[in-house]
Amino acid sequence: MLTNVMDMTIRLLKANAANVLTLLNLGLGGFAIIACINGQLHLSLLFIFIAALADRFDGMIARKFHIESDLGKQLDSMSDIISFGVAPALLLYQGILHLFGFPGIFFTIFYIACGAFRLARFNIAENDGYFTGLPITAAGCLLTLSYLTISYLPSYSFILISFLLSIMMISNFTIKKV
């Protein structure tokens, strides 16, 4: 009896491990947004990078335990738009893009929209071992990293960085999955 309960518990944990990490990614993205709204930009940056770690491991665990699912794929994309779309865009907006008024708002929203488009395209594409366009996790991490250079680069550089990362997400070049 106890052995059956333990076996069922282990199966349940294995079956949900990847989704738990995906939800951790989403939660960290939410914390990053709230930290940003509260003016704690460095804390927001930290949450985004920890979310990237959770995002890296959820897929690895899903493949290792053979628990990949359509639900997991959709949940991962919804989490990614929060953690690597909205959170980094808001971080950069709060950090510098707000100084540009409407153009700063436009490029913030443009980045988020391109990230959403990229994720939607990924969700309907065949899994052939390649990404089409820059993955949103990479774009979000690069945008987040750019925040650390605000003191060193001209302010208009961040509109250009945001624009280039946006275009790279929706472009058609391919990158081999690792």
Protein backbone atom coordinates (compact mmCIF):
# COMPACT_ATOMS: atom_id res chain seq x y z
CA MET A 1 0.00 0.00 0.00
CA LEU A 2 2.69 2.51 1.01
CA THR A 3 4.74 1.46 -2.03
CA ASN A 4 1.80 2.23 -4.33
CA VAL A 5 1.35 5.67 -2.77
CA MET A 6 5.06 6.40 -3.16
CA ASP A 7 5.04 5.22 -6.78
CA MET A 8 2.00 7.36 -7.59
CA THR A 9 3.56 10.37 -5.86
CA ILE A 10 6.82 9.99 -7.78
CA ARG A 11 4.91 9.61 -11.08
CA LEU A 12 2.85 12.70 -10.28
CA LEU A 13 5.96 14.73 -9.42
CA LYS A 14 7.71 13.63 -12.61
CA ALA A 15 4.62 14.38 -14.71
CA ASN A 16 4.35 17.93 -13.35
CA ALA A 17 8.00 18.87 -12.76
CA ALA A 18 8.38 20.74 -16.04
CA ASN A 19 5.10 22.63 -15.62
CA VAL A 20 6.08 23.64 -12.08
CA LEU A 21 9.32 25.12 -13.43
CA THR A 22 7.38 26.84 -16.20
CA LEU A 23 5.04 28.38 -13.63
CA LEU A 24 8.10 29.42 -11.60
CA ASN A 25 9.34 31.19 -14.75
CA LEU A 26 5.96 32.95 -15.02
CA GLY A 27 5.95 33.90 -11.34
CA LEU A 28 9.47 35.32 -11.55
CA GLY A 29 8.42 37.35 -14.59
CA GLY A 30 5.49 38.69 -12.58
CA PHE A 31 7.80 39.59 -9.71
CA ALA A 32 10.13 41.32 -12.20
CA ILE A 33 7.23 43.44 -13.49
CA ILE A 34 6.10 44.38 -9.99
CA ALA A 35 9.67 45.21 -8.94
CA CYS A 36 9.97 47.40 -12.02
CA ILE A 37 6.72 49.21 -11.28
CA ASN A 38 8.01 49.83 -7.74
CA GLY A 39 11.24 51.31 -9.10
CA GLN A 40 13.42 48.36 -8.04
CA LEU A 41 15.00 47.94 -11.44
CA HIS A 42 18.04 45.92 -10.33
CA LEU A 43 15.77 43.47 -8.53
CA SER A 44 13.66 43.21 -11.68
CA LEU A 45 16.81 42.35 -13.63
CA LEU A 46 17.65 39.60 -11.14
CA PHE A 47 14.16 38.08 -11.38
CA ILE A 48 14.38 38.03 -15.20
CA PHE A 49 17.68 36.16 -15.14
CA ILE A 50 16.42 33.61 -12.60
CA ALA A 51 13.35 33.15 -14.82
CA ALA A 52 15.73 32.37 -17.69
CA LEU A 53 17.25 29.57 -15.62
CA ALA A 54 13.81 28.13 -14.86
CA ASP A 55 12.94 28.38 -18.57
CA ARG A 56 16.13 26.54 -19.51
CA PHE A 57 15.45 23.66 -17.16
CA ASP A 58 11.72 23.16 -17.80
CA GLY A 59 12.33 21.97 -21.34
CA MET A 60 15.25 19.80 -20.30
CA ILE A 61 13.14 18.09 -17.64
CA ALA A 62 10.20 17.61 -20.02
CA ARG A 63 12.48 15.87 -22.52
CA LYS A 64 14.33 13.83 -19.87
CA PHE A 65 11.11 12.48 -18.33
CA HIS A 66 9.32 12.23 -21.72
CA ILE A 67 6.52 14.50 -20.53
CA GLU A 68 6.42 17.00 -23.39
CA SER A 69 2.86 18.08 -24.11
CA ASP A 70 0.86 20.66 -26.03
CA LEU A 71 -0.26 22.09 -22.70
CA GLY A 72 3.35 22.46 -21.59
CA LYS A 73 4.29 24.14 -24.89
CA GLN A 74 1.44 26.67 -24.59
CA LEU A 75 2.13 27.30 -20.90
CA ASP A 76 5.81 27.86 -21.69
CA SER A 77 4.97 30.45 -24.35
CA MET A 78 2.58 32.30 -22.05
CA SER A 79 5.24 32.36 -19.35
CA ASP A 80 7.89 33.51 -21.83
CA ILE A 81 5.86 36.50 -23.03
CA ILE A 82 5.67 37.67 -19.41
CA SER A 83 9.27 36.94 -18.36
CA PHE A 84 11.10 37.75 -21.61
CA GLY A 85 8.64 40.02 -23.38
CA VAL A 86 6.82 42.29 -20.94
CA ALA A 87 9.34 42.28 -18.04
CA PRO A 88 12.48 43.23 -20.04
CA ALA A 89 10.54 45.76 -22.14
CA LEU A 90 9.18 47.41 -19.00
CA LEU A 91 12.64 47.34 -17.38
CA LEU A 92 14.17 49.16 -20.33
CA TYR A 93 11.21 51.53 -20.54
CA GLN A 94 11.53 52.44 -16.86
CA GLY A 95 15.32 52.58 -17.12
CA ILE A 96 15.61 54.86 -20.16
CA LEU A 97 13.00 54.63 -22.91
CA HIS A 98 10.48 56.73 -20.94
CA LEU A 99 12.74 59.72 -21.70
CA PHE A 100 11.69 59.54 -25.38
CA GLY A 101 7.95 60.00 -24.77
CA PHE A 102 5.77 58.38 -27.43
CA PRO A 103 8.65 56.78 -29.38
CA GLY A 104 9.80 55.11 -26.15
CA ILE A 105 6.29 53.77 -25.57
CA PHE A 106 6.01 52.64 -29.21
CA PHE A 107 9.28 50.66 -29.19
CA THR A 108 8.42 49.11 -25.83
CA ILE A 109 5.10 47.84 -27.17
CA PHE A 110 6.64 46.91 -30.54
CA TYR A 111 9.15 44.65 -28.75
CA ILE A 112 6.34 42.93 -26.80
CA ALA A 113 4.23 42.50 -29.96
CA CYS A 114 7.16 40.99 -31.90
CA GLY A 115 7.82 38.62 -29.00
CA ALA A 116 4.17 37.51 -28.98
CA PHE A 117 4.25 37.00 -32.76
CA ARG A 118 7.45 34.97 -32.50
CA LEU A 119 5.96 32.72 -29.80
CA ALA A 120 2.72 32.20 -31.72
CA ARG A 121 4.69 31.26 -34.85
CA PHE A 122 6.81 28.84 -32.80
CA ASN A 123 3.70 27.18 -31.34
CA ILE A 124 2.22 26.35 -34.74
CA ALA A 125 5.50 25.37 -36.45
CA GLU A 126 6.81 21.85 -36.84
CA ASN A 127 9.58 20.99 -34.39
CA ASP A 128 12.46 20.37 -36.82
CA GLY A 129 15.45 21.04 -34.58
CA TYR A 130 15.67 24.73 -35.52
CA PHE A 131 14.31 28.01 -34.19
CA THR A 132 13.04 30.53 -36.73
CA GLY A 133 14.08 33.98 -35.60
CA LEU A 134 15.78 34.88 -32.34
CA PRO A 135 14.09 33.04 -29.44
CA ILE A 136 12.32 35.41 -27.06
CA THR A 137 14.33 34.11 -24.10
CA ALA A 138 17.57 35.18 -25.81
CA ALA A 139 16.09 38.51 -26.89
CA GLY A 140 14.74 39.17 -23.39
CA CYS A 141 18.07 38.36 -21.76
CA LEU A 142 19.92 40.61 -24.22
CA LEU A 143 17.45 43.45 -23.67
CA THR A 144 17.81 42.96 -19.92
CA LEU A 145 21.61 42.96 -20.20
CA SER A 146 21.44 46.20 -22.16
CA TYR A 147 19.93 47.83 -19.07
CA LEU A 148 23.34 47.45 -17.40
CA THR A 149 24.90 49.68 -20.08
CA ILE A 150 22.60 52.68 -19.63
CA SER A 151 25.39 54.70 -18.00
CA TYR A 152 27.80 53.91 -20.85
CA LEU A 153 25.85 54.16 -24.11
CA PRO A 154 24.03 57.10 -25.69
CA SER A 155 20.36 57.03 -24.78
CA TYR A 156 19.15 56.63 -28.38
CA SER A 157 21.10 53.35 -28.56
CA PHE A 158 18.37 51.67 -26.53
CA ILE A 159 15.69 52.42 -29.10
CA LEU A 160 17.98 50.83 -31.69
CA ILE A 161 18.71 47.80 -29.46
CA SER A 162 15.01 47.29 -28.78
CA PHE A 163 14.16 47.64 -32.48
CA LEU A 164 16.90 45.26 -33.65
CA LEU A 165 15.96 42.57 -31.12
CA SER A 166 12.30 42.94 -32.15
CA ILE A 167 13.11 42.49 -35.83
CA MET A 168 15.42 39.56 -35.09
CA MET A 169 12.59 37.76 -33.25
CA ILE A 170 10.24 37.97 -36.22
CA SER A 171 12.83 37.41 -38.95
CA ASN A 172 13.12 34.14 -40.87
CA PHE A 173 16.73 33.14 -40.17
CA THR A 174 17.16 29.79 -38.43
CA ILE A 175 19.17 28.81 -35.34
CA LYS A 176 19.88 25.19 -34.43
CA LYS A 177 18.33 24.19 -31.11
CA VAL A 178 20.78 23.15 -28.38
